[in-house]
Amino acid sequence: MPPLDPLPASDPPPASPSSDASATEVYAIHGADPEVLAYAMAKYSRSALSMKQSLLELNAQRAEQFLNTFYFQYGHRSIADLAHIAFAVERLSLLAAIVLVDEQRWDGQERSTRYQDFKKSGWYLPAFGSNQQARQLYTRQIEKLFASYEEISRGAIELLRSQVPRPAEMKQEAYDRTLRARAFDGARYLLPLAANTSLGEIVNARTLETQVSRLLSQPHAEVRRLGEKLREAAATPCWNVQRAALEDLQRDIAAVDPVLGKRAEELLLREVAVAPTLVKYAAPVEYIQKTRVELEQAALELMESAPIQPSPLVDLVENQLDGGERESMEIEIVTTLLYGACHYSYRQIRERVCALDAPRRDELLLLGTQHRGRHDELLRAFSSGYQLRFDILMDIGGFRDMHRHRRCVQTLQSFTNLHDYDVPELIANSNLRQPYEQAVREAHAAFETLSQMDIPEAKETAQYLLPLGTRCRSLFKMDFAEALYIAELRSAPQGHISYRRVAWEMYEAIAKHHPALAKDFRITDVNIPIDPLQR
């Protein structure tokens, strides 16, 4: 590979040791475009220039030329790791948000259903074409869920007021705010996956490229459009928080000196695209699309429409099989591939996989790689060999909090009504239970009806009707350190009881199978009642 800069005409003086420790220089950098900064950092490997010298000689055009050569032709994707970009993604559905953040190299924050009232958030309306019956069913059901959400929110607040008196030392404002948050804890179970949310993310350009490609490969039309909008946002002028102040400054300069004002306009009001080069080739991935279809068909054939067996909230799946032998890596990968393509538990799938002969298992293993292109990363299911694997069946609302843990490998199943639903603790023993359960059952019935109608992406469109109280299944693979971290963090009393129970069950499963490790946990027993006013 050619050097980035020509060699100096004469040899540099021999290197000499630093005279003192202060020779090391550290400085923060501000004001460089993300791609230009990535280029400057990449030059360290092939240039003797300092960062300041590199940045001062660069411009966006040179960065683009460099990236077109070294990033795309030579495959130096690590360069994109150096360009970090902030995005705001607003008014997307909860379903699309879950798909968007399902990225292991991701940092961001989403609007909280625990602390904010979602009744005015709006909701996603798919394109139904000429099928007005489907559109009316969808619209009517979403509106009913929001009406029930508002009804349960009001009822939960009144219920809490009757159960939890305000302490004399607590201000009325703080008391009301805390009760509203607790009420939303229960009412949010009725929010449909169509409900709008907003989030912010900060990602490097490599993660953005893979994220966009993954979104463009998804079965939901909304998610595919989201991928297109992310790619467009990276390639077009970004929003500058200082724009108004810079415009004022430029006008002041122009009023004094028009020539200098023109130069100030070029510098201060220059429009910046954050990563036009690094994401311009992001496209749908055939590997993902074709493999998904083939794995769904393979899972259907393997399981032969067997009933879904009951399973616990948390199942720690050990790698010792029923016959006493250890589970091979091949069996684990095949089972995980099929797990993400159906709605059965890991154990139930593994039982069928173990009953297959080796040639048939090899055929299933091949399904996961046969469409892989030259630059495609392996599917997540191939991340195997983790000692701790938790098959978790919990409500979607609580899962969204568990989904934030990036140091583990997560395989998600698609949303369905097959696993029934949870009733929040606040509502379970009150007069709110009957209207709550009626609302969820009606939503599940509408899901079944819509999923069988003659509309594009019927199965995917119907998923938007599912409320957050609906159970979903996911597989979490991790090491011991991550299991301890999740159990300690998510069992804390200020957390939601849904994922607090999951964290507790994870701890108990480890304590049962690996008792010597139990003493290392600083766990909070979720069976001990907590003060509802504690946040």
Protein backbone atom coordinates (compact mmCIF):
# COMPACT_ATOMS: atom_id res chain seq x y z
CA MET A 1 0.00 0.00 0.00
CA PRO A 2 1.46 3.42 -0.90
CA PRO A 3 2.29 5.87 1.89
CA LEU A 4 -0.15 8.65 2.64
CA ASP A 5 2.50 11.38 2.32
CA PRO A 6 5.75 11.61 0.35
CA LEU A 7 8.92 10.82 2.23
CA PRO A 8 11.01 13.82 3.33
CA ALA A 9 13.75 14.90 0.94
CA SER A 10 16.46 14.36 3.55
CA ASP A 11 16.77 12.03 6.46
CA PRO A 12 15.37 13.37 9.72
CA PRO A 13 17.75 13.83 12.64
CA PRO A 14 18.17 10.75 14.80
CA ALA A 15 15.62 10.32 17.52
CA SER A 16 16.68 11.39 20.97
CA PRO A 17 15.12 10.63 24.33
CA SER A 18 12.76 13.15 25.89
CA SER A 19 14.45 15.36 28.44
CA ASP A 20 11.62 15.09 30.93
CA ALA A 21 8.17 13.62 31.38
CA SER A 22 6.50 16.86 30.30
CA ALA A 23 7.51 16.17 26.68
CA THR A 24 4.31 14.16 26.29
CA GLU A 25 1.59 16.43 24.91
CA VAL A 26 -2.12 15.83 25.31
CA TYR A 27 -4.78 18.08 23.83
CA ALA A 28 -8.46 17.83 23.03
CA ILE A 29 -9.71 18.51 19.50
CA HIS A 30 -12.78 20.50 18.54
CA GLY A 31 -14.23 21.74 15.28
CA ALA A 32 -12.98 19.09 12.84
CA ASP A 33 -15.49 17.34 10.60
CA PRO A 34 -15.89 13.67 11.63
CA GLU A 35 -14.49 12.30 8.35
CA VAL A 36 -11.59 14.76 8.33
CA LEU A 37 -10.72 13.85 11.91
CA ALA A 38 -10.85 10.14 11.03
CA TYR A 39 -8.48 10.79 8.12
CA ALA A 40 -6.07 12.72 10.35
CA MET A 41 -5.98 9.96 12.96
CA ALA A 42 -5.50 7.30 10.30
CA LYS A 43 -2.44 9.16 9.03
CA TYR A 44 -0.58 8.36 12.26
CA SER A 45 0.16 4.91 10.83
CA ARG A 46 1.89 6.27 7.72
CA SER A 47 2.94 9.84 8.40
CA ALA A 48 5.26 11.63 10.84
CA LEU A 49 2.94 14.66 10.99
CA SER A 50 1.38 15.64 14.28
CA MET A 51 -2.39 15.74 14.63
CA LYS A 52 -2.35 19.54 14.49
CA GLN A 53 -0.27 19.52 11.30
CA SER A 54 -2.50 16.91 9.69
CA LEU A 55 -5.70 18.75 10.48
CA LEU A 56 -4.36 22.10 9.32
CA GLU A 57 -3.41 20.73 5.91
CA LEU A 58 -6.64 18.82 5.38
CA ASN A 59 -9.92 19.72 3.83
CA ALA A 60 -13.08 17.72 3.17
CA GLN A 61 -12.15 17.09 -0.48
CA ARG A 62 -8.81 15.50 0.42
CA ALA A 63 -10.50 13.40 3.10
CA GLU A 64 -12.97 12.09 0.55
CA GLN A 65 -10.18 11.23 -1.91
CA PHE A 66 -8.27 9.41 0.81
CA LEU A 67 -11.30 7.46 2.00
CA ASN A 68 -12.28 6.43 -1.50
CA THR A 69 -8.82 4.90 -1.90
CA PHE A 70 -7.95 3.46 1.48
CA TYR A 71 -11.34 2.74 2.99
CA PHE A 72 -13.15 1.25 0.03
CA GLN A 73 -10.38 -0.14 -2.18
CA TYR A 74 -8.17 -1.48 0.60
CA GLY A 75 -10.87 -2.41 3.10
CA HIS A 76 -9.47 -0.35 6.00
CA ARG A 77 -12.79 -0.27 7.85
CA SER A 78 -11.02 0.56 11.12
CA ILE A 79 -10.67 4.13 9.80
CA ALA A 80 -14.44 4.52 10.17
CA ASP A 81 -14.10 3.63 13.87
CA LEU A 82 -12.46 7.04 14.30
CA ALA A 83 -15.39 9.12 13.00
CA HIS A 84 -18.01 9.50 15.73
CA ILE A 85 -21.36 11.00 14.85
CA ALA A 86 -24.38 12.11 16.88
CA PHE A 87 -27.90 11.59 15.51
CA ALA A 88 -31.36 12.45 16.74
CA VAL A 89 -34.04 10.02 15.58
CA GLU A 90 -37.47 11.34 16.37
CA ARG A 91 -41.00 10.02 15.87
CA LEU A 92 -40.23 6.40 15.18
CA SER A 93 -42.28 3.51 16.55
CA LEU A 94 -41.24 1.56 19.63
CA LEU A 95 -40.88 -1.47 17.36
CA ALA A 96 -38.50 0.38 15.02
CA ALA A 97 -36.54 1.71 18.01
CA ILE A 98 -35.96 -1.84 19.28
CA VAL A 99 -34.62 -2.88 15.87
CA LEU A 100 -32.50 0.27 15.57
CA VAL A 101 -30.71 -0.15 18.90
CA ASP A 102 -30.12 -3.89 18.41
CA GLU A 103 -26.48 -3.09 17.73
CA GLN A 104 -23.64 -4.33 19.93
CA ARG A 105 -21.44 -1.27 19.26
CA TRP A 106 -24.01 1.39 20.12
CA ASP A 107 -24.46 4.25 22.57
CA GLY A 108 -27.62 6.26 23.00
CA GLN A 109 -30.67 7.14 25.05
CA GLU A 110 -34.36 6.68 24.31
CA ARG A 111 -37.43 8.41 25.63
CA SER A 112 -38.55 6.57 28.77
CA THR A 113 -41.98 4.95 28.98
CA ARG A 114 -41.50 4.84 32.76
CA TYR A 115 -41.17 8.56 33.31
CA GLN A 116 -43.07 10.18 30.45
CA ASP A 117 -46.73 10.23 29.49
CA PHE A 118 -47.06 8.76 26.01
CA LYS A 119 -50.71 9.59 25.36
CA LYS A 120 -49.72 12.49 23.07
CA SER A 121 -46.79 10.77 21.38
CA GLY A 122 -48.67 9.73 18.27
CA TRP A 123 -48.23 6.39 16.54
CA TYR A 124 -46.99 4.80 13.36
CA LEU A 125 -49.51 4.13 10.58
CA PRO A 126 -48.35 1.59 7.98
CA ALA A 127 -49.34 1.84 4.31
CA PHE A 128 -52.40 -0.34 3.72
CA GLY A 129 -52.96 0.56 0.09
CA SER A 130 -56.57 0.05 -0.93
CA ASN A 131 -57.41 -2.32 1.93
CA GLN A 132 -59.57 0.00 4.04
CA GLN A 133 -60.80 -2.86 6.22
CA ALA A 134 -57.25 -3.56 7.43
CA ARG A 135 -56.57 0.14 7.94
CA GLN A 136 -59.74 0.60 9.99
CA LEU A 137 -59.02 -2.47 12.13
CA TYR A 138 -55.49 -1.24 12.82
CA THR A 139 -56.50 2.35 13.56
CA ARG A 140 -59.41 1.36 15.79
CA GLN A 141 -57.27 -1.02 17.83
CA ILE A 142 -54.41 1.46 18.32
CA GLU A 143 -56.85 4.15 19.44
CA LYS A 144 -58.46 1.73 21.90
CA LEU A 145 -55.07 0.85 23.40
CA PHE A 146 -54.20 4.51 23.88
CA ALA A 147 -57.59 5.14 25.47
CA SER A 148 -57.01 2.21 27.83
CA TYR A 149 -53.48 3.48 28.55
CA GLU A 150 -54.91 6.85 29.60
CA GLU A 151 -57.67 5.20 31.66
CA ILE A 152 -55.25 2.90 33.48
CA SER A 153 -52.82 5.79 34.06
CA ARG A 154 -55.51 7.84 35.80
CA GLY A 155 -56.77 4.83 37.75
CA ALA A 156 -53.27 3.84 38.85
CA ILE A 157 -52.53 7.33 40.18
CA GLU A 158 -55.73 7.32 42.23
CA LEU A 159 -54.99 3.81 43.45
CA LEU A 160 -51.51 4.88 44.60
CA ARG A 161 -52.86 7.97 46.31
CA SER A 162 -55.17 5.75 48.35
CA GLN A 163 -52.38 3.32 49.25
CA VAL A 164 -49.35 5.58 49.71
CA PRO A 165 -49.84 8.72 51.84
CA ARG A 166 -47.51 11.65 51.33
CA PRO A 167 -44.87 11.92 54.06
CA ALA A 168 -44.92 15.25 55.86
CA GLU A 169 -41.34 16.00 54.83
CA MET A 170 -42.04 15.33 51.13
CA LYS A 171 -43.12 18.22 48.91
CA GLN A 172 -46.41 17.81 47.06
CA GLU A 173 -44.69 18.30 43.70
CA ALA A 174 -42.19 15.51 44.36
CA TYR A 175 -44.95 13.26 45.68
CA ASP A 176 -47.13 13.78 42.59
CA ARG A 177 -44.18 13.27 40.24
CA THR A 178 -43.21 10.00 41.93
CA LEU A 179 -46.74 8.65 41.86
CA ARG A 180 -47.10 9.51 38.17
CA ALA A 181 -43.89 7.61 37.43
CA ARG A 182 -45.16 4.58 39.36
CA ALA A 183 -48.49 4.81 37.53
CA PHE A 184 -46.70 4.89 34.16
CA ASP A 185 -44.83 1.76 35.27
CA GLY A 186 -48.13 -0.10 35.13
CA ALA A 187 -49.94 1.76 32.37
CA ARG A 188 -47.06 1.42 29.90
CA TYR A 189 -47.89 -2.28 29.55
CA LEU A 190 -50.76 -1.12 27.31
CA LEU A 191 -48.67 1.02 24.97
CA PRO A 192 -48.64 -0.60 21.52
CA LEU A 193 -45.43 -1.18 19.61
CA ALA A 194 -46.82 1.39 17.16
CA ALA A 195 -46.43 4.18 19.76
CA ASN A 196 -43.94 6.84 18.73
CA THR A 197 -40.75 7.43 20.65
CA SER A 198 -37.54 9.40 20.10
CA LEU A 199 -33.89 8.61 20.73
CA GLY A 200 -30.40 9.94 20.30
CA GLU A 201 -27.39 7.87 19.30
CA ILE A 202 -23.67 8.43 19.08
CA VAL A 203 -21.97 5.89 16.84
CA ASN A 204 -18.78 5.57 14.88
CA ALA A 205 -19.09 5.48 11.11
CA ARG A 206 -18.33 1.77 10.85
CA THR A 207 -21.18 0.95 13.23
CA LEU A 208 -23.39 3.38 11.33
CA GLU A 209 -22.60 1.67 8.04
CA THR A 210 -23.44 -1.79 9.38
CA GLN A 211 -26.49 -0.39 11.17
CA VAL A 212 -27.84 1.21 8.00
CA SER A 213 -27.24 -1.96 5.97
CA ARG A 214 -28.95 -4.07 8.63
CA LEU A 215 -31.96 -1.74 8.77
CA LEU A 216 -32.26 -1.77 4.98
CA SER A 217 -32.42 -5.58 5.15
CA GLN A 218 -35.33 -5.80 7.62
CA PRO A 219 -38.87 -7.02 6.81
CA HIS A 220 -40.63 -3.92 8.21
CA ALA A 221 -41.13 -1.06 5.72
CA GLU A 222 -40.78 1.55 8.48
CA VAL A 223 -37.41 0.13 9.51
CA ARG A 224 -36.12 0.08 5.95
CA ARG A 225 -37.12 3.74 5.51
CA LEU A 226 -35.35 4.49 8.78
CA GLY A 227 -32.15 3.04 7.30
CA GLU A 228 -32.54 5.27 4.25
CA LYS A 229 -33.05 8.34 6.42
CA LEU A 230 -29.97 7.58 8.54
CA ARG A 231 -27.85 7.22 5.41
CA GLU A 232 -29.26 10.47 4.05
CA ALA A 233 -28.66 12.31 7.33
CA ALA A 234 -24.99 11.27 7.25
CA ALA A 235 -24.53 12.37 3.65
CA THR A 236 -26.35 15.73 3.70
CA PRO A 237 -25.67 18.95 5.66
CA CYS A 238 -26.18 18.46 9.37
CA TRP A 239 -27.92 20.75 11.84
CA ASN A 240 -25.49 23.16 13.51
CA VAL A 241 -26.46 24.22 17.03
CA GLN A 242 -24.32 27.37 16.63
CA ARG A 243 -25.80 28.38 13.26
CA ALA A 244 -27.86 31.40 14.42
CA ALA A 245 -24.96 32.84 16.44
CA LEU A 246 -22.55 32.35 13.53
CA GLU A 247 -24.94 34.06 11.12
CA ASP A 248 -25.10 37.07 13.45
CA LEU A 249 -21.31 37.15 13.68
CA GLN A 250 -20.92 36.92 9.91
CA ARG A 251 -23.33 39.82 9.37
CA ASP A 252 -21.43 41.95 11.88
CA ILE A 253 -18.16 41.25 10.07
CA ALA A 254 -19.69 41.97 6.65
CA ALA A 255 -21.05 45.30 7.88
CA VAL A 256 -17.51 46.42 8.71
CA ASP A 257 -15.68 44.81 5.77
CA PRO A 258 -17.66 43.14 2.93
CA VAL A 259 -14.61 41.24 1.63
CA LEU A 260 -13.81 39.87 5.06
CA GLY A 261 -17.50 39.16 5.54
CA LYS A 262 -17.49 36.97 2.43
CA ARG A 263 -14.52 35.05 3.75
CA ALA A 264 -16.25 34.70 7.13
CA GLU A 265 -19.33 33.35 5.37
CA GLU A 266 -17.26 30.66 3.66
CA LEU A 267 -15.67 29.62 6.94
CA LEU A 268 -18.41 30.11 9.52
CA LEU A 269 -21.48 29.12 7.52
CA ARG A 270 -19.96 26.21 5.66
CA GLU A 271 -22.39 23.31 5.54
CA VAL A 272 -20.99 20.03 6.85
CA ALA A 273 -22.05 16.48 6.05
CA VAL A 274 -20.80 14.24 8.85
CA ALA A 275 -19.98 11.07 6.90
CA PRO A 276 -20.89 11.36 3.22
CA THR A 277 -18.14 9.03 2.06
CA LEU A 278 -18.14 6.41 4.80
CA VAL A 279 -21.81 5.43 4.44
CA LYS A 280 -22.51 6.08 0.77
CA TYR A 281 -22.25 2.40 -0.15
CA ALA A 282 -24.41 1.08 2.70
CA ALA A 283 -27.01 -1.16 1.09
CA PRO A 284 -29.34 -4.06 1.89
CA VAL A 285 -27.47 -7.26 2.72
CA GLU A 286 -28.61 -10.27 0.70
CA TYR A 287 -26.89 -12.53 3.21
CA ILE A 288 -29.25 -11.36 5.95
CA GLN A 289 -32.36 -11.36 3.77
CA LYS A 290 -31.93 -14.76 2.13
CA THR A 291 -30.69 -16.50 5.27
CA ARG A 292 -33.65 -15.22 7.31
CA VAL A 293 -36.15 -16.77 4.91
CA GLU A 294 -34.32 -20.11 4.72
CA LEU A 295 -33.89 -20.38 8.50
CA GLU A 296 -37.58 -19.68 9.09
CA GLN A 297 -38.47 -22.47 6.68
CA ALA A 298 -35.92 -24.83 8.26
CA ALA A 299 -37.26 -24.13 11.76
CA LEU A 300 -40.81 -24.75 10.57
CA GLU A 301 -39.83 -28.11 9.08
CA LEU A 302 -37.76 -29.16 12.08
CA MET A 303 -40.34 -28.33 14.73
CA GLU A 304 -43.27 -29.74 12.69
CA SER A 305 -45.81 -27.36 14.30
CA ALA A 306 -45.17 -28.86 17.74
CA PRO A 307 -46.86 -26.98 20.60
CA ILE A 308 -44.63 -24.48 22.39
CA GLN A 309 -43.70 -26.03 25.72
CA PRO A 310 -44.06 -23.95 28.90
CA SER A 311 -40.83 -22.33 30.04
CA PRO A 312 -39.76 -20.26 33.05
CA LEU A 313 -39.09 -16.53 33.19
CA VAL A 314 -35.35 -17.24 33.08
CA ASP A 315 -33.77 -20.52 32.04
CA LEU A 316 -30.01 -20.94 32.43
CA VAL A 317 -29.22 -23.41 29.67
CA GLU A 318 -26.18 -25.43 30.67
CA ASN A 319 -24.04 -27.06 27.99
CA GLN A 320 -24.55 -30.52 29.44
CA LEU A 321 -27.11 -32.51 27.47
CA ASP A 322 -29.67 -34.91 28.92
CA GLY A 323 -27.45 -37.89 28.17
CA GLY A 324 -24.57 -36.41 30.14
CA GLU A 325 -22.36 -35.42 27.19
CA ARG A 326 -21.39 -31.83 26.54
CA GLU A 327 -23.15 -29.79 23.90
CA SER A 328 -20.88 -29.32 20.88
CA MET A 329 -20.29 -25.91 19.36
CA GLU A 330 -21.98 -27.11 16.17
CA ILE A 331 -25.16 -27.95 18.07
CA GLU A 332 -25.10 -24.61 19.85
CA ILE A 333 -24.74 -22.63 16.61
CA VAL A 334 -27.45 -24.57 14.78
CA THR A 335 -29.81 -24.23 17.74
CA THR A 336 -29.17 -20.49 18.00
CA LEU A 337 -29.65 -19.98 14.26
CA LEU A 338 -33.06 -21.64 14.45
CA TYR A 339 -33.92 -19.95 17.76
CA GLY A 340 -33.97 -16.52 16.10
CA ALA A 341 -36.19 -17.85 13.31
CA CYS A 342 -39.09 -19.22 15.40
CA HIS A 343 -40.81 -18.90 18.79
CA TYR A 344 -39.66 -22.06 20.59
CA SER A 345 -37.36 -22.17 23.60
CA TYR A 346 -33.69 -22.96 23.24
CA ARG A 347 -34.15 -26.29 25.04
CA GLN A 348 -37.04 -27.37 22.84
CA ILE A 349 -35.12 -26.58 19.65
CA ARG A 350 -31.92 -28.16 20.92
CA GLU A 351 -33.75 -31.40 21.66
CA ARG A 352 -34.76 -31.65 18.00
CA VAL A 353 -31.31 -30.63 16.76
CA CYS A 354 -29.63 -33.29 18.92
CA ALA A 355 -31.92 -35.94 17.42
CA LEU A 356 -30.65 -35.19 13.91
CA ASP A 357 -27.80 -37.09 12.31
CA ALA A 358 -24.56 -35.25 11.65
CA PRO A 359 -25.11 -34.70 7.88
CA ARG A 360 -28.48 -33.02 8.52
CA ARG A 361 -26.99 -30.80 11.23
CA ASP A 362 -24.22 -29.82 8.82
CA GLU A 363 -26.86 -28.83 6.26
CA LEU A 364 -28.51 -26.56 8.80
CA LEU A 365 -25.15 -25.11 9.78
CA LEU A 366 -24.49 -24.32 6.13
CA LEU A 367 -27.70 -22.29 5.96
CA GLY A 368 -26.02 -19.73 8.18
CA THR A 369 -23.08 -19.12 5.84
CA GLN A 370 -23.91 -20.11 2.27
CA HIS A 371 -25.11 -16.63 1.23
CA ARG A 372 -22.35 -14.75 3.03
CA GLY A 373 -20.63 -12.20 0.80
CA ARG A 374 -16.99 -11.22 0.86
CA HIS A 375 -17.46 -8.31 3.28
CA ASP A 376 -20.40 -9.65 5.31
CA GLU A 377 -19.93 -10.22 9.02
CA LEU A 378 -21.11 -13.59 10.31
CA LEU A 379 -24.58 -13.67 11.78
CA ARG A 380 -24.73 -13.05 15.52
CA ALA A 381 -25.80 -16.65 16.11
CA PHE A 382 -22.21 -17.73 15.42
CA SER A 383 -21.04 -15.96 18.60
CA SER A 384 -20.80 -19.19 20.52
CA GLY A 385 -18.85 -20.65 23.41
CA TYR A 386 -20.22 -18.49 26.21
CA GLN A 387 -20.54 -20.37 29.49
CA LEU A 388 -23.72 -18.59 30.62
CA ARG A 389 -26.77 -18.60 28.36
CA PHE A 390 -30.09 -17.31 29.62
CA ASP A 391 -33.30 -18.00 27.71
CA ILE A 392 -35.58 -15.18 28.91
CA LEU A 393 -39.34 -14.90 28.47
CA MET A 394 -40.56 -11.50 29.73
CA ASP A 395 -42.77 -8.56 28.83
CA ILE A 396 -41.63 -6.36 25.95
CA GLY A 397 -41.54 -3.24 28.14
CA GLY A 398 -39.10 -4.78 30.60
CA PHE A 399 -37.12 -6.37 27.79
CA ARG A 400 -36.38 -2.92 26.36
CA ASP A 401 -34.36 -2.18 29.50
CA MET A 402 -32.54 -5.52 29.39
CA HIS A 403 -31.83 -4.92 25.71
CA ARG A 404 -29.46 -2.08 26.63
CA HIS A 405 -26.75 -4.45 27.85
CA ARG A 406 -24.14 -4.53 25.10
CA ARG A 407 -21.48 -6.75 26.67
CA CYS A 408 -23.53 -9.84 26.00
CA VAL A 409 -24.74 -11.48 22.78
CA GLN A 410 -28.49 -11.23 22.31
CA THR A 411 -30.61 -13.24 19.88
CA LEU A 412 -34.16 -11.91 19.63
CA GLN A 413 -37.26 -13.65 18.38
CA SER A 414 -39.93 -11.74 16.48
CA PHE A 415 -42.89 -10.35 18.41
CA THR A 416 -45.98 -12.55 18.70
CA ASN A 417 -48.98 -13.21 20.94
CA LEU A 418 -48.06 -16.89 21.35
CA HIS A 419 -46.42 -16.34 24.75
CA ASP A 420 -49.43 -14.57 26.31
CA TYR A 421 -48.89 -11.46 28.46
CA ASP A 422 -47.96 -10.18 31.91
CA VAL A 423 -50.10 -8.21 34.34
CA PRO A 424 -48.16 -5.48 36.18
CA GLU A 425 -47.96 -5.85 39.94
CA LEU A 426 -49.74 -2.55 40.60
CA ILE A 427 -52.76 -3.64 38.55
CA ALA A 428 -52.89 -7.34 39.40
CA ASN A 429 -54.74 -6.99 42.71
CA SER A 430 -56.97 -4.03 41.91
CA ASN A 431 -60.15 -3.17 40.05
CA LEU A 432 -57.96 -2.12 37.12
CA ARG A 433 -57.13 -5.71 36.24
CA GLN A 434 -60.33 -6.46 34.33
CA PRO A 435 -60.14 -3.48 31.92
CA TYR A 436 -56.39 -4.05 31.52
CA GLU A 437 -56.75 -7.71 30.56
CA GLN A 438 -59.65 -6.97 28.25
CA ALA A 439 -57.57 -4.38 26.39
CA VAL A 440 -54.65 -6.80 25.97
CA ARG A 441 -56.84 -9.69 24.83
CA GLU A 442 -58.56 -7.49 22.25
CA ALA A 443 -55.19 -6.36 20.94
CA HIS A 444 -53.98 -9.95 20.65
CA ALA A 445 -57.17 -10.93 18.78
CA ALA A 446 -56.68 -8.00 16.38
CA PHE A 447 -53.07 -9.09 15.89
CA GLU A 448 -54.22 -12.54 14.76
CA THR A 449 -56.87 -11.11 12.43
CA LEU A 450 -54.55 -8.56 10.81
CA SER A 451 -51.68 -11.02 10.38
CA GLN A 452 -53.92 -13.18 8.18
CA MET A 453 -55.30 -10.38 5.99
CA ASP A 454 -54.29 -9.77 2.39
CA ILE A 455 -51.96 -6.80 2.90
CA PRO A 456 -48.22 -6.29 2.31
CA GLU A 457 -46.08 -7.57 5.18
CA ALA A 458 -49.20 -8.66 7.09
CA LYS A 459 -47.28 -10.51 9.80
CA GLU A 460 -44.92 -7.58 10.40
CA THR A 461 -47.69 -4.96 10.28
CA ALA A 462 -49.75 -6.85 12.87
CA GLN A 463 -46.85 -6.72 15.35
CA TYR A 464 -47.43 -2.99 15.83
CA LEU A 465 -50.72 -3.85 17.59
CA LEU A 466 -49.04 -5.79 20.38
CA PRO A 467 -48.93 -3.94 23.73
CA LEU A 468 -45.73 -3.83 25.77
CA GLY A 469 -47.23 -6.25 28.30
CA THR A 470 -46.96 -8.99 25.67
CA ARG A 471 -44.23 -11.51 26.43
CA CYS A 472 -41.25 -11.89 24.10
CA ARG A 473 -38.42 -14.41 24.08
CA SER A 474 -34.72 -13.62 23.81
CA LEU A 475 -31.45 -15.47 24.35
CA PHE A 476 -28.65 -13.73 26.28
CA LYS A 477 -25.13 -15.19 26.13
CA MET A 478 -22.48 -13.74 28.43
CA ASP A 479 -19.51 -14.30 30.69
CA PHE A 480 -19.69 -14.32 34.49
CA ALA A 481 -18.63 -10.67 34.91
CA GLU A 482 -21.51 -9.47 32.75
CA ALA A 483 -24.01 -11.73 34.52
CA LEU A 484 -22.93 -10.31 37.87
CA TYR A 485 -23.15 -6.74 36.55
CA ILE A 486 -26.67 -7.21 35.14
CA ALA A 487 -27.92 -9.00 38.25
CA GLU A 488 -26.58 -6.32 40.60
CA LEU A 489 -27.70 -3.35 38.51
CA ARG A 490 -31.13 -4.57 37.47
CA SER A 491 -32.13 -5.93 40.88
CA ALA A 492 -31.74 -2.49 42.49
CA PRO A 493 -34.92 -1.26 44.24
CA GLN A 494 -35.36 1.80 42.02
CA GLY A 495 -35.75 -0.45 38.97
CA HIS A 496 -38.92 -1.83 37.41
CA ILE A 497 -40.13 -5.01 39.06
CA SER A 498 -40.30 -6.79 35.70
CA TYR A 499 -36.58 -6.77 35.01
CA ARG A 500 -35.76 -6.88 38.72
CA ARG A 501 -37.30 -10.37 38.74
CA VAL A 502 -35.27 -11.36 35.68
CA ALA A 503 -32.06 -10.18 37.37
CA TRP A 504 -32.96 -12.10 40.53
CA GLU A 505 -33.70 -15.27 38.57
CA MET A 506 -30.37 -14.95 36.77
CA TYR A 507 -28.61 -14.77 40.13
CA GLU A 508 -30.54 -17.73 41.55
CA ALA A 509 -29.79 -19.85 38.49
CA ILE A 510 -26.07 -19.19 38.85
CA ALA A 511 -26.22 -19.82 42.61
CA LYS A 512 -27.88 -23.18 41.94
CA HIS A 513 -25.48 -24.38 39.26
CA HIS A 514 -22.32 -22.62 40.49
CA PRO A 515 -22.81 -22.12 44.25
CA ALA A 516 -19.23 -21.04 44.90
CA LEU A 517 -19.85 -17.95 42.75
CA ALA A 518 -23.01 -16.83 44.55
CA LYS A 519 -21.08 -15.06 47.32
CA ASP A 520 -19.60 -12.63 44.78
CA PHE A 521 -22.98 -11.01 44.03
CA ARG A 522 -24.13 -7.81 45.75
CA ILE A 523 -27.71 -8.64 44.94
CA THR A 524 -30.94 -7.01 46.11
CA ASP A 525 -33.63 -9.51 47.06
CA VAL A 526 -36.67 -8.60 44.95
CA ASN A 527 -38.97 -10.44 47.35
CA ILE A 528 -38.45 -7.74 49.99
CA PRO A 529 -41.12 -5.00 49.64
CA ILE A 530 -39.82 -1.55 48.74
CA ASP A 531 -41.05 1.94 49.46
CA PRO A 532 -43.15 3.06 46.44
CA LEU A 533 -41.86 6.60 46.92
CA GLN A 534 -38.23 5.51 46.51
CA ARG A 535 -36.90 6.31 43.04
